[in-house]
Amino acid sequence: MKEISDYIHRLKIGNIKKYKNMAVAPLLEADSKLEYIVFDEAVNSGLRVSETGSVPTLHFSNKTGKEILILQGEYVEGGKQNRMVAANVYMAKAFEGDVPVNCVEEHRWSTGYDSLNIGLNIEDPFRPGFRNPPRQRRRQDDRFYSSMRMATKGVCSASSRGQGEVWGQVNKLIGDHKVSSRTGNINDVFNHKQDELSDYVSNFQYTPGAVGIVVAIEQDGKKIYGTDIFDQSTTMEKNFSKLLESYILEAVSSGSSIRQTKKEISAFLGYINNIKFNERKPVSLGRDFLLNGDKIEGSALVYESTPVYVSFSTRTEGPVDIFPGISNHIRTGLHRRFC
């Protein structure tokens, strides 16, 4: 799509920061004129989320009086199972409807766990030094909260391939990090790795004026890349910490010291020239795309000809099958039951 590729070609690559096996480069460009709030702001300003009776959807009611940007991969905790949003959403001011989600806690019901919620601090969650409040278990409470966390690129990409792929990627993360999780909850990985996450986070800061980042990770002798690009620097700043942590979760498992050049980053961004833009029905406003190419995969959201959010990464090695050895008709039944 011309609007997206033209926007990416206009981006300027800032100074690269490196720590251990991870490098982060800011992407610089002028801000758009769109006015909206992000998901983490909206949950404290009148956005209501409730169960629909179907695991793959949640009902959103926007009473904020503002348009809302919600990213594919953002976590919603609470209710019967923790979920992540499965599409990019530019939500209208009075939106009332269902939003597609994926479960990121496979065994919550089967282990008899009560609803798990997060009590968000009503202070500004974007002020320096703000940390997520401690998790609290509350009985008979189906409210939902933003977790201020973001899925890894592997988990995000899996959402376009189905619920089984999402669980497969979550279980892979749990296994890679040798974490014990009774419910198959991706948050257990974040919590287990908190010290290492904090160590990495302390070595990367948001660059003023950046509308996006490119992250490179040296992992098992090869580099993997990912990028998140917004239409405004304020949106990038608000999402910087949770996006960074999602990349760090991939980095802390393995890898040696990284060497990184702007030329390599430019070559990665250039992959946008050789991908297919597969448009999917938008949840609310704008146009929502899946990006597919030989080397990269991702998603993008465009509103009024403005690329509001573009995210893509180098392809994972392949799908992770959580139902190995099971025939197709039984596999289909499992997906209908749980997905």
C-alpha atoms as a PDB file:
ATOM      1  CA  MET A   1       0.000   0.000   0.000  1.00  0.00           C
ATOM      2  CA  LYS A   2       1.481   3.296  -1.142  1.00  0.00           C
ATOM      3  CA  GLU A   3       0.653   5.331   1.984  1.00  0.00           C
ATOM      4  CA  ILE A   4       2.492   2.836   4.196  1.00  0.00           C
ATOM      5  CA  SER A   5       5.546   2.287   2.004  1.00  0.00           C
ATOM      6  CA  ASP A   6       5.924   6.037   1.358  1.00  0.00           C
ATOM      7  CA  TYR A   7       5.732   6.761   5.080  1.00  0.00           C
ATOM      8  CA  ILE A   8       8.386   4.179   5.933  1.00  0.00           C
ATOM      9  CA  HIS A   9      10.717   5.537   3.225  1.00  0.00           C
ATOM     10  CA  ARG A  10      10.463   9.020   4.799  1.00  0.00           C
ATOM     11  CA  LEU A  11      11.617   7.819   8.217  1.00  0.00           C
ATOM     12  CA  LYS A  12      15.064   8.842   9.447  1.00  0.00           C
ATOM     13  CA  ILE A  13      17.092   6.352  11.499  1.00  0.00           C
ATOM     14  CA  GLY A  14      18.482   7.859  14.709  1.00  0.00           C
ATOM     15  CA  ASN A  15      21.440   6.822  16.825  1.00  0.00           C
ATOM     16  CA  ILE A  16      21.550   3.108  17.605  1.00  0.00           C
ATOM     17  CA  LYS A  17      21.724   2.051  21.250  1.00  0.00           C
ATOM     18  CA  LYS A  18      23.088  -1.398  22.112  1.00  0.00           C
ATOM     19  CA  TYR A  19      23.107  -3.559  25.210  1.00  0.00           C
ATOM     20  CA  LYS A  20      24.275  -7.168  25.280  1.00  0.00           C
ATOM     21  CA  ASN A  21      22.526  -8.948  22.385  1.00  0.00           C
ATOM     22  CA  MET A  22      19.964  -6.223  21.615  1.00  0.00           C
ATOM     23  CA  ALA A  23      20.074  -2.992  19.596  1.00  0.00           C
ATOM     24  CA  VAL A  24      17.370  -0.310  19.368  1.00  0.00           C
ATOM     25  CA  ALA A  25      17.214   2.452  16.766  1.00  0.00           C
ATOM     26  CA  PRO A  26      14.679   5.322  16.904  1.00  0.00           C
ATOM     27  CA  LEU A  27      12.781   6.285  13.753  1.00  0.00           C
ATOM     28  CA  LEU A  28      12.132  10.001  13.289  1.00  0.00           C
ATOM     29  CA  GLU A  29       9.401  11.833  11.345  1.00  0.00           C
ATOM     30  CA  ALA A  30       6.913  14.679  11.792  1.00  0.00           C
ATOM     31  CA  ASP A  31       3.697  13.975  13.713  1.00  0.00           C
ATOM     32  CA  SER A  32       0.268  13.598  12.142  1.00  0.00           C
ATOM     33  CA  LYS A  33      -2.672  15.767  13.190  1.00  0.00           C
ATOM     34  CA  LEU A  34      -4.929  12.925  14.384  1.00  0.00           C
ATOM     35  CA  GLU A  35      -6.401  13.159  17.884  1.00  0.00           C
ATOM     36  CA  TYR A  36      -6.931   9.991  19.945  1.00  0.00           C
ATOM     37  CA  ILE A  37      -5.953   8.309  23.184  1.00  0.00           C
ATOM     38  CA  VAL A  38      -4.210   4.962  23.638  1.00  0.00           C
ATOM     39  CA  PHE A  39      -5.651   1.837  25.254  1.00  0.00           C
ATOM     40  CA  ASP A  40      -3.935   2.274  28.623  1.00  0.00           C
ATOM     41  CA  GLU A  41      -5.363   5.791  28.919  1.00  0.00           C
ATOM     42  CA  ALA A  42      -8.822   4.698  27.793  1.00  0.00           C
ATOM     43  CA  VAL A  43      -9.341   2.101  30.543  1.00  0.00           C
ATOM     44  CA  ASN A  44      -9.144   4.919  33.106  1.00  0.00           C
ATOM     45  CA  SER A  45     -11.323   7.269  31.070  1.00  0.00           C
ATOM     46  CA  GLY A  46     -14.579   5.454  30.342  1.00  0.00           C
ATOM     47  CA  LEU A  47     -13.737   2.454  28.175  1.00  0.00           C
ATOM     48  CA  ARG A  48     -15.692  -0.592  29.379  1.00  0.00           C
ATOM     49  CA  VAL A  49     -14.866  -4.198  28.484  1.00  0.00           C
ATOM     50  CA  SER A  50     -17.102  -7.191  29.199  1.00  0.00           C
ATOM     51  CA  GLU A  51     -17.561 -10.860  28.318  1.00  0.00           C
ATOM     52  CA  THR A  52     -19.635 -11.835  25.287  1.00  0.00           C
ATOM     53  CA  GLY A  53     -19.994 -15.522  26.188  1.00  0.00           C
ATOM     54  CA  SER A  54     -17.459 -16.404  23.478  1.00  0.00           C
ATOM     55  CA  VAL A  55     -13.731 -16.699  24.216  1.00  0.00           C
ATOM     56  CA  PRO A  56     -12.571 -15.148  20.885  1.00  0.00           C
ATOM     57  CA  THR A  57     -14.434 -11.854  21.435  1.00  0.00           C
ATOM     58  CA  LEU A  58     -14.874  -9.205  24.120  1.00  0.00           C
ATOM     59  CA  HIS A  59     -17.449  -6.416  24.115  1.00  0.00           C
ATOM     60  CA  PHE A  60     -16.050  -2.873  24.142  1.00  0.00           C
ATOM     61  CA  SER A  61     -18.091   0.202  25.012  1.00  0.00           C
ATOM     62  CA  ASN A  62     -16.334   3.515  24.366  1.00  0.00           C
ATOM     63  CA  LYS A  63     -17.675   6.178  26.731  1.00  0.00           C
ATOM     64  CA  THR A  64     -14.465   8.245  26.750  1.00  0.00           C
ATOM     65  CA  GLY A  65     -15.713  10.827  24.256  1.00  0.00           C
ATOM     66  CA  LYS A  66     -12.497  10.272  22.275  1.00  0.00           C
ATOM     67  CA  GLU A  67     -11.226   7.990  19.562  1.00  0.00           C
ATOM     68  CA  ILE A  68      -8.976   5.180  20.837  1.00  0.00           C
ATOM     69  CA  LEU A  69      -5.998   3.421  19.304  1.00  0.00           C
ATOM     70  CA  ILE A  70      -5.727  -0.236  20.389  1.00  0.00           C
ATOM     71  CA  LEU A  71      -2.860  -2.386  19.130  1.00  0.00           C
ATOM     72  CA  GLN A  72      -2.891  -6.017  18.094  1.00  0.00           C
ATOM     73  CA  GLY A  73      -1.137  -7.864  20.916  1.00  0.00           C
ATOM     74  CA  GLU A  74      -2.183  -5.601  23.802  1.00  0.00           C
ATOM     75  CA  TYR A  75      -3.204  -7.574  26.891  1.00  0.00           C
ATOM     76  CA  VAL A  76      -6.593  -7.445  28.560  1.00  0.00           C
ATOM     77  CA  GLU A  77      -6.621  -9.179  31.945  1.00  0.00           C
ATOM     78  CA  GLY A  78      -9.581 -10.357  33.960  1.00  0.00           C
ATOM     79  CA  GLY A  79     -12.864 -12.081  33.265  1.00  0.00           C
ATOM     80  CA  LYS A  80     -12.800 -15.805  32.603  1.00  0.00           C
ATOM     81  CA  GLN A  81      -9.413 -15.798  30.833  1.00  0.00           C
ATOM     82  CA  ASN A  82      -6.636 -13.324  30.081  1.00  0.00           C
ATOM     83  CA  ARG A  83      -6.778 -12.251  26.430  1.00  0.00           C
ATOM     84  CA  MET A  84      -4.833 -10.222  23.910  1.00  0.00           C
ATOM     85  CA  VAL A  85      -6.405  -8.063  21.218  1.00  0.00           C
ATOM     86  CA  ALA A  86      -6.263  -9.848  17.844  1.00  0.00           C
ATOM     87  CA  ALA A  87      -6.573  -6.818  15.523  1.00  0.00           C
ATOM     88  CA  ASN A  88      -5.455  -3.213  15.290  1.00  0.00           C
ATOM     89  CA  VAL A  89      -8.376  -0.975  16.207  1.00  0.00           C
ATOM     90  CA  TYR A  90      -9.010   2.718  15.624  1.00  0.00           C
ATOM     91  CA  MET A  91     -12.125   2.958  17.768  1.00  0.00           C
ATOM     92  CA  ALA A  92     -14.857   5.505  17.113  1.00  0.00           C
ATOM     93  CA  LYS A  93     -15.959   7.801  19.938  1.00  0.00           C
ATOM     94  CA  ALA A  94     -19.280   6.051  20.588  1.00  0.00           C
ATOM     95  CA  PHE A  95     -18.218   2.548  19.536  1.00  0.00           C
ATOM     96  CA  GLU A  96     -20.316  -0.265  20.983  1.00  0.00           C
ATOM     97  CA  GLY A  97     -19.431  -3.731  19.730  1.00  0.00           C
ATOM     98  CA  ASP A  98     -17.276  -6.863  19.835  1.00  0.00           C
ATOM     99  CA  VAL A  99     -13.504  -6.930  19.371  1.00  0.00           C
ATOM    100  CA  PRO A 100     -11.632 -10.103  18.346  1.00  0.00           C
ATOM    101  CA  VAL A 101      -9.214 -11.452  20.951  1.00  0.00           C
ATOM    102  CA  ASN A 102      -7.045 -14.497  21.622  1.00  0.00           C
ATOM    103  CA  CYS A 103      -6.663 -16.314  24.915  1.00  0.00           C
ATOM    104  CA  VAL A 104      -3.125 -16.109  26.380  1.00  0.00           C
ATOM    105  CA  GLU A 105      -3.878 -18.255  29.444  1.00  0.00           C
ATOM    106  CA  GLU A 106      -4.737 -21.700  28.141  1.00  0.00           C
ATOM    107  CA  HIS A 107      -5.662 -23.592  31.333  1.00  0.00           C
ATOM    108  CA  ARG A 108      -7.414 -20.994  33.538  1.00  0.00           C
ATOM    109  CA  TRP A 109     -10.794 -22.781  33.562  1.00  0.00           C
ATOM    110  CA  SER A 110      -9.393 -26.284  33.885  1.00  0.00           C
ATOM    111  CA  THR A 111      -7.354 -25.459  37.007  1.00  0.00           C
ATOM    112  CA  GLY A 112     -10.200 -23.795  38.873  1.00  0.00           C
ATOM    113  CA  TYR A 113      -8.561 -20.369  39.077  1.00  0.00           C
ATOM    114  CA  ASP A 114     -10.754 -17.405  39.946  1.00  0.00           C
ATOM    115  CA  SER A 115     -10.790 -14.305  37.755  1.00  0.00           C
ATOM    116  CA  LEU A 116      -7.477 -12.506  37.734  1.00  0.00           C
ATOM    117  CA  ASN A 117      -7.547  -8.730  37.520  1.00  0.00           C
ATOM    118  CA  ILE A 118      -5.159  -5.850  37.659  1.00  0.00           C
ATOM    119  CA  GLY A 119      -5.959  -2.789  39.732  1.00  0.00           C
ATOM    120  CA  LEU A 120      -4.619   0.075  37.616  1.00  0.00           C
ATOM    121  CA  ASN A 121      -3.137   3.071  39.398  1.00  0.00           C
ATOM    122  CA  ILE A 122      -5.236   6.113  38.574  1.00  0.00           C
ATOM    123  CA  GLU A 123      -2.027   8.147  38.458  1.00  0.00           C
ATOM    124  CA  ASP A 124      -0.627   8.885  35.005  1.00  0.00           C
ATOM    125  CA  PRO A 125       0.770   5.505  33.894  1.00  0.00           C
ATOM    126  CA  PHE A 126       3.189   7.233  31.516  1.00  0.00           C
ATOM    127  CA  ARG A 127       5.062   9.298  34.097  1.00  0.00           C
ATOM    128  CA  PRO A 128       8.731   8.348  34.605  1.00  0.00           C
ATOM    129  CA  GLY A 129       9.201   5.624  37.196  1.00  0.00           C
ATOM    130  CA  PHE A 130       5.640   4.292  36.995  1.00  0.00           C
ATOM    131  CA  ARG A 131       5.553   0.523  37.548  1.00  0.00           C
ATOM    132  CA  ASN A 132       2.693  -1.882  37.129  1.00  0.00           C
ATOM    133  CA  PRO A 133       0.790  -2.373  40.392  1.00  0.00           C
ATOM    134  CA  PRO A 134       0.973  -5.840  41.952  1.00  0.00           C
ATOM    135  CA  ARG A 135      -1.402  -8.488  40.627  1.00  0.00           C
ATOM    136  CA  GLN A 136      -4.376  -9.244  42.821  1.00  0.00           C
ATOM    137  CA  ARG A 137      -6.706 -12.230  42.714  1.00  0.00           C
ATOM    138  CA  ARG A 138     -10.336 -11.300  43.295  1.00  0.00           C
ATOM    139  CA  ARG A 139     -13.229 -13.697  43.545  1.00  0.00           C
ATOM    140  CA  GLN A 140     -16.395 -13.431  41.467  1.00  0.00           C
ATOM    141  CA  ASP A 141     -15.206 -10.338  39.579  1.00  0.00           C
ATOM    142  CA  ASP A 142     -15.446 -10.292  35.789  1.00  0.00           C
ATOM    143  CA  ARG A 143     -14.053  -6.828  35.193  1.00  0.00           C
ATOM    144  CA  PHE A 144     -11.263  -6.302  32.691  1.00  0.00           C
ATOM    145  CA  TYR A 145      -8.127  -4.187  32.844  1.00  0.00           C
ATOM    146  CA  SER A 146      -5.256  -3.288  30.564  1.00  0.00           C
ATOM    147  CA  SER A 147      -2.145  -5.065  31.790  1.00  0.00           C
ATOM    148  CA  MET A 148       0.194  -2.467  30.205  1.00  0.00           C
ATOM    149  CA  ARG A 149       1.922  -5.388  28.534  1.00  0.00           C
ATOM    150  CA  MET A 150       2.345  -6.401  24.924  1.00  0.00           C
ATOM    151  CA  ALA A 151       2.694  -9.786  23.273  1.00  0.00           C
ATOM    152  CA  THR A 152       5.984 -10.735  21.655  1.00  0.00           C
ATOM    153  CA  LYS A 153       6.131 -10.539  17.871  1.00  0.00           C
ATOM    154  CA  GLY A 154       5.914 -14.346  17.661  1.00  0.00           C
ATOM    155  CA  VAL A 155       2.682 -14.424  19.658  1.00  0.00           C
ATOM    156  CA  CYS A 156       1.233 -11.443  17.724  1.00  0.00           C
ATOM    157  CA  SER A 157       1.928 -13.081  14.374  1.00  0.00           C
ATOM    158  CA  ALA A 158       0.392 -16.351  15.578  1.00  0.00           C
ATOM    159  CA  SER A 159      -2.949 -14.625  16.204  1.00  0.00           C
ATOM    160  CA  SER A 160      -3.585 -14.379  12.469  1.00  0.00           C
ATOM    161  CA  ARG A 161      -3.141 -18.160  12.201  1.00  0.00           C
ATOM    162  CA  GLY A 162      -5.576 -19.107  14.988  1.00  0.00           C
ATOM    163  CA  GLN A 163      -5.912 -19.719  18.710  1.00  0.00           C
ATOM    164  CA  GLY A 164      -3.935 -22.968  18.630  1.00  0.00           C
ATOM    165  CA  GLU A 165      -0.913 -21.157  17.190  1.00  0.00           C
ATOM    166  CA  VAL A 166      -1.136 -18.516  19.923  1.00  0.00           C
ATOM    167  CA  TRP A 167      -1.091 -21.155  22.662  1.00  0.00           C
ATOM    168  CA  GLY A 168       1.779 -22.858  20.862  1.00  0.00           C
ATOM    169  CA  GLN A 169       3.860 -19.671  20.881  1.00  0.00           C
ATOM    170  CA  VAL A 170       2.997 -18.959  24.531  1.00  0.00           C
ATOM    171  CA  ASN A 171       4.006 -22.492  25.505  1.00  0.00           C
ATOM    172  CA  LYS A 172       7.235 -22.091  23.525  1.00  0.00           C
ATOM    173  CA  LEU A 173       8.061 -18.942  25.509  1.00  0.00           C
ATOM    174  CA  ILE A 174       7.294 -20.727  28.775  1.00  0.00           C
ATOM    175  CA  GLY A 175       9.548 -23.614  27.735  1.00  0.00           C
ATOM    176  CA  ASP A 176      12.379 -21.415  26.433  1.00  0.00           C
ATOM    177  CA  HIS A 177      12.504 -19.527  29.722  1.00  0.00           C
ATOM    178  CA  LYS A 178      12.015 -22.665  31.859  1.00  0.00           C
ATOM    179  CA  VAL A 179       9.057 -21.131  33.698  1.00  0.00           C
ATOM    180  CA  SER A 180       6.489 -23.093  35.673  1.00  0.00           C
ATOM    181  CA  SER A 181       2.951 -21.932  34.835  1.00  0.00           C
ATOM    182  CA  ARG A 182      -0.108 -23.850  36.049  1.00  0.00           C
ATOM    183  CA  THR A 183      -2.428 -22.021  33.658  1.00  0.00           C
ATOM    184  CA  GLY A 184      -0.111 -21.536  30.673  1.00  0.00           C
ATOM    185  CA  ASN A 185      -0.143 -17.802  31.409  1.00  0.00           C
ATOM    186  CA  ILE A 186       2.306 -15.631  29.461  1.00  0.00           C
ATOM    187  CA  ASN A 187       2.333 -13.192  32.391  1.00  0.00           C
ATOM    188  CA  ASP A 188       4.177 -15.840  34.415  1.00  0.00           C
ATOM    189  CA  VAL A 189       7.078 -15.454  31.986  1.00  0.00           C
ATOM    190  CA  PHE A 190       7.109 -11.661  32.397  1.00  0.00           C
ATOM    191  CA  ASN A 191       6.990 -11.994  36.185  1.00  0.00           C
ATOM    192  CA  HIS A 192       9.705 -14.680  36.301  1.00  0.00           C
ATOM    193  CA  LYS A 193      12.034 -12.566  34.145  1.00  0.00           C
ATOM    194  CA  GLN A 194      11.329  -9.231  35.831  1.00  0.00           C
ATOM    195  CA  ASP A 195      14.909  -8.664  37.064  1.00  0.00           C
ATOM    196  CA  GLU A 196      16.367  -9.302  33.609  1.00  0.00           C
ATOM    197  CA  LEU A 197      13.683  -7.182  31.966  1.00  0.00           C
ATOM    198  CA  SER A 198      14.500  -4.306  34.318  1.00  0.00           C
ATOM    199  CA  ASP A 199      18.211  -4.691  33.568  1.00  0.00           C
ATOM    200  CA  TYR A 200      17.649  -4.328  29.823  1.00  0.00           C
ATOM    201  CA  VAL A 201      15.030  -1.568  30.177  1.00  0.00           C
ATOM    202  CA  SER A 202      17.429   0.566  32.217  1.00  0.00           C
ATOM    203  CA  ASN A 203      19.827   0.634  29.248  1.00  0.00           C
ATOM    204  CA  PHE A 204      17.331   1.931  26.675  1.00  0.00           C
ATOM    205  CA  GLN A 205      15.460   5.228  26.819  1.00  0.00           C
ATOM    206  CA  TYR A 206      12.877   6.757  24.556  1.00  0.00           C
ATOM    207  CA  THR A 207      14.402   9.222  22.072  1.00  0.00           C
ATOM    208  CA  PRO A 208      12.397  12.476  21.959  1.00  0.00           C
ATOM    209  CA  GLY A 209      10.726  12.953  18.594  1.00  0.00           C
ATOM    210  CA  ALA A 210      10.806   9.269  17.655  1.00  0.00           C
ATOM    211  CA  VAL A 211       7.626   7.940  16.018  1.00  0.00           C
ATOM    212  CA  GLY A 212       8.928   4.371  15.967  1.00  0.00           C
ATOM    213  CA  ILE A 213      11.702   1.933  16.784  1.00  0.00           C
ATOM    214  CA  VAL A 214      13.568  -0.876  15.081  1.00  0.00           C
ATOM    215  CA  VAL A 215      14.866  -3.612  17.377  1.00  0.00           C
ATOM    216  CA  ALA A 216      17.554  -6.130  16.412  1.00  0.00           C
ATOM    217  CA  ILE A 217      18.332  -9.177  18.556  1.00  0.00           C
ATOM    218  CA  GLU A 218      21.304 -11.515  18.216  1.00  0.00           C
ATOM    219  CA  GLN A 219      19.862 -14.924  18.945  1.00  0.00           C
ATOM    220  CA  ASP A 220      21.475 -18.330  18.437  1.00  0.00           C
ATOM    221  CA  GLY A 221      23.910 -17.049  15.826  1.00  0.00           C
ATOM    222  CA  LYS A 222      21.433 -15.043  13.766  1.00  0.00           C
ATOM    223  CA  LYS A 223      19.690 -11.668  13.912  1.00  0.00           C
ATOM    224  CA  ILE A 224      15.974 -11.177  14.216  1.00  0.00           C
ATOM    225  CA  TYR A 225      14.375  -7.795  13.570  1.00  0.00           C
ATOM    226  CA  GLY A 226      11.149  -6.082  14.523  1.00  0.00           C
ATOM    227  CA  THR A 227       9.688  -2.612  14.140  1.00  0.00           C
ATOM    228  CA  ASP A 228       6.785  -0.618  15.565  1.00  0.00           C
ATOM    229  CA  ILE A 229       5.924   2.664  13.869  1.00  0.00           C
ATOM    230  CA  PHE A 230       3.240   5.204  14.799  1.00  0.00           C
ATOM    231  CA  ASP A 231       1.906   8.406  13.297  1.00  0.00           C
ATOM    232  CA  GLN A 232       2.951  10.464  16.330  1.00  0.00           C
ATOM    233  CA  SER A 233       5.895  10.650  18.714  1.00  0.00           C
ATOM    234  CA  THR A 234       3.591  10.940  21.748  1.00  0.00           C
ATOM    235  CA  THR A 235       1.999   7.586  20.880  1.00  0.00           C
ATOM    236  CA  MET A 236       5.429   5.984  20.520  1.00  0.00           C
ATOM    237  CA  GLU A 237       6.513   7.401  23.878  1.00  0.00           C
ATOM    238  CA  LYS A 238       3.402   6.101  25.645  1.00  0.00           C
ATOM    239  CA  ASN A 239       3.886   2.605  24.229  1.00  0.00           C
ATOM    240  CA  PHE A 240       7.677   2.526  24.380  1.00  0.00           C
ATOM    241  CA  SER A 241       8.146   0.635  27.659  1.00  0.00           C
ATOM    242  CA  LYS A 242       5.735  -2.196  26.988  1.00  0.00           C
ATOM    243  CA  LEU A 243       6.897  -2.644  23.407  1.00  0.00           C
ATOM    244  CA  LEU A 244      10.495  -2.701  24.600  1.00  0.00           C
ATOM    245  CA  GLU A 245       9.712  -5.353  27.229  1.00  0.00           C
ATOM    246  CA  SER A 246       8.052  -7.556  24.605  1.00  0.00           C
ATOM    247  CA  TYR A 247      11.283  -7.511  22.580  1.00  0.00           C
ATOM    248  CA  ILE A 248      13.453  -8.029  25.651  1.00  0.00           C
ATOM    249  CA  LEU A 249      11.529 -11.185  26.482  1.00  0.00           C
ATOM    250  CA  GLU A 250      12.863 -12.580  23.196  1.00  0.00           C
ATOM    251  CA  ALA A 251      16.383 -11.301  23.868  1.00  0.00           C
ATOM    252  CA  VAL A 252      17.016 -12.613  27.386  1.00  0.00           C
ATOM    253  CA  SER A 253      16.736 -16.285  26.412  1.00  0.00           C
ATOM    254  CA  SER A 254      19.993 -16.438  24.449  1.00  0.00           C
ATOM    255  CA  GLY A 255      22.448 -14.533  22.292  1.00  0.00           C
ATOM    256  CA  SER A 256      25.856 -12.891  22.208  1.00  0.00           C
ATOM    257  CA  SER A 257      26.984  -9.261  21.976  1.00  0.00           C
ATOM    258  CA  ILE A 258      25.441  -7.542  18.955  1.00  0.00           C
ATOM    259  CA  ARG A 259      26.934  -5.411  16.205  1.00  0.00           C
ATOM    260  CA  GLN A 260      24.456  -3.277  14.322  1.00  0.00           C
ATOM    261  CA  THR A 261      24.592  -0.701  11.522  1.00  0.00           C
ATOM    262  CA  LYS A 262      22.083   1.753  10.095  1.00  0.00           C
ATOM    263  CA  LYS A 263      22.597   0.155   6.687  1.00  0.00           C
ATOM    264  CA  GLU A 264      21.316  -3.187   8.036  1.00  0.00           C
ATOM    265  CA  ILE A 265      18.306  -1.476   9.612  1.00  0.00           C
ATOM    266  CA  SER A 266      17.534   0.350   6.382  1.00  0.00           C
ATOM    267  CA  ALA A 267      17.674  -2.965   4.508  1.00  0.00           C
ATOM    268  CA  PHE A 268      15.195  -4.498   6.972  1.00  0.00           C
ATOM    269  CA  LEU A 269      12.769  -1.574   6.561  1.00  0.00           C
ATOM    270  CA  GLY A 270      13.129  -1.948   2.805  1.00  0.00           C
ATOM    271  CA  TYR A 271      11.392  -5.315   2.966  1.00  0.00           C
ATOM    272  CA  ILE A 272       8.150  -3.305   2.994  1.00  0.00           C
ATOM    273  CA  ASN A 273       8.594  -3.010  -0.792  1.00  0.00           C
ATOM    274  CA  ASN A 274       8.112  -6.747  -1.294  1.00  0.00           C
ATOM    275  CA  ILE A 275       5.107  -7.683   0.802  1.00  0.00           C
ATOM    276  CA  LYS A 276       1.424  -8.294   0.222  1.00  0.00           C
ATOM    277  CA  PHE A 277      -1.138  -6.122   1.992  1.00  0.00           C
ATOM    278  CA  ASN A 278      -4.096  -8.344   2.834  1.00  0.00           C
ATOM    279  CA  GLU A 279      -6.959  -6.160   3.998  1.00  0.00           C
ATOM    280  CA  ARG A 280      -9.238  -7.520   6.710  1.00  0.00           C
ATOM    281  CA  LYS A 281     -12.546  -6.116   7.891  1.00  0.00           C
ATOM    282  CA  PRO A 282     -11.858  -3.293  10.372  1.00  0.00           C
ATOM    283  CA  VAL A 283     -13.349  -3.480  13.860  1.00  0.00           C
ATOM    284  CA  SER A 284     -14.232   0.209  13.745  1.00  0.00           C
ATOM    285  CA  LEU A 285     -12.663   3.075  11.763  1.00  0.00           C
ATOM    286  CA  GLY A 286      -9.913   2.977   9.150  1.00  0.00           C
ATOM    287  CA  ARG A 287      -8.361   0.104   7.186  1.00  0.00           C
ATOM    288  CA  ASP A 288      -6.675  -2.865   8.860  1.00  0.00           C
ATOM    289  CA  PHE A 289      -4.070  -4.955   7.019  1.00  0.00           C
ATOM    290  CA  LEU A 290      -2.070  -8.126   7.512  1.00  0.00           C
ATOM    291  CA  LEU A 291       1.416  -7.891   5.981  1.00  0.00           C
ATOM    292  CA  ASN A 292       2.905 -11.006   4.409  1.00  0.00           C
ATOM    293  CA  GLY A 293       6.220 -11.422   2.623  1.00  0.00           C
ATOM    294  CA  ASP A 294       8.977 -13.955   2.130  1.00  0.00           C
ATOM    295  CA  LYS A 295      11.065 -12.391   4.888  1.00  0.00           C
ATOM    296  CA  ILE A 296       8.645 -10.456   7.105  1.00  0.00           C
ATOM    297  CA  GLU A 297       5.111 -10.560   8.510  1.00  0.00           C
ATOM    298  CA  GLY A 298       3.062  -8.074  10.488  1.00  0.00           C
ATOM    299  CA  SER A 299       0.073  -5.753  10.456  1.00  0.00           C
ATOM    300  CA  ALA A 300      -0.853  -2.138   9.776  1.00  0.00           C
ATOM    301  CA  LEU A 301      -3.672   0.304  10.471  1.00  0.00           C
ATOM    302  CA  VAL A 302      -4.469   3.293   8.252  1.00  0.00           C
ATOM    303  CA  TYR A 303      -6.995   6.037   9.022  1.00  0.00           C
ATOM    304  CA  GLU A 304      -7.804   8.937   6.683  1.00  0.00           C
ATOM    305  CA  SER A 305      -4.776   7.973   4.526  1.00  0.00           C
ATOM    306  CA  THR A 306      -2.491   8.210   7.591  1.00  0.00           C
ATOM    307  CA  PRO A 307      -0.550   5.103   8.680  1.00  0.00           C
ATOM    308  CA  VAL A 308      -1.457   5.156  12.378  1.00  0.00           C
ATOM    309  CA  TYR A 309       0.418   1.972  13.299  1.00  0.00           C
ATOM    310  CA  VAL A 310       2.720  -0.331  11.329  1.00  0.00           C
ATOM    311  CA  SER A 311       4.378  -3.358  12.894  1.00  0.00           C
ATOM    312  CA  PHE A 312       6.384  -6.126  11.261  1.00  0.00           C
ATOM    313  CA  SER A 313       9.211  -8.511  12.051  1.00  0.00           C
ATOM    314  CA  THR A 314      11.375 -11.118  10.415  1.00  0.00           C
ATOM    315  CA  ARG A 315       9.442 -14.330  10.013  1.00  0.00           C
ATOM    316  CA  THR A 316       9.526 -16.976  12.708  1.00  0.00           C
ATOM    317  CA  GLU A 317      10.861 -20.381  11.683  1.00  0.00           C
ATOM    318  CA  GLY A 318       7.325 -21.738  11.302  1.00  0.00           C
ATOM    319  CA  PRO A 319       4.073 -22.443  13.109  1.00  0.00           C
ATOM    320  CA  VAL A 320       4.090 -24.153  16.472  1.00  0.00           C
ATOM    321  CA  ASP A 321       1.638 -27.044  16.627  1.00  0.00           C
ATOM    322  CA  ILE A 322       0.005 -27.573  20.006  1.00  0.00           C
ATOM    323  CA  PHE A 323      -2.004 -30.563  18.722  1.00  0.00           C
ATOM    324  CA  PRO A 324       0.751 -32.815  17.258  1.00  0.00           C
ATOM    325  CA  GLY A 325      -0.389 -36.184  15.928  1.00  0.00           C
ATOM    326  CA  ILE A 326      -4.101 -35.349  16.116  1.00  0.00           C
ATOM    327  CA  SER A 327      -6.259 -35.869  13.043  1.00  0.00           C
ATOM    328  CA  ASN A 328      -7.736 -32.864  11.266  1.00  0.00           C
ATOM    329  CA  HIS A 329     -11.393 -33.488  12.244  1.00  0.00           C
ATOM    330  CA  ILE A 330     -10.476 -33.773  15.949  1.00  0.00           C
ATOM    331  CA  ARG A 331      -8.216 -30.731  15.641  1.00  0.00           C
ATOM    332  CA  THR A 332     -11.144 -28.768  14.175  1.00  0.00           C
ATOM    333  CA  GLY A 333     -13.335 -29.793  17.099  1.00  0.00           C
ATOM    334  CA  LEU A 334     -10.740 -28.641  19.619  1.00  0.00           C
ATOM    335  CA  HIS A 335     -10.484 -25.269  17.953  1.00  0.00           C
ATOM    336  CA  ARG A 336     -14.264 -24.859  17.930  1.00  0.00           C
ATOM    337  CA  ARG A 337     -14.436 -25.773  21.605  1.00  0.00           C
ATOM    338  CA  PHE A 338     -11.685 -23.474  22.850  1.00  0.00           C
ATOM    339  CA  CYS A 339     -11.234 -20.859  20.167  1.00  0.00           C
END
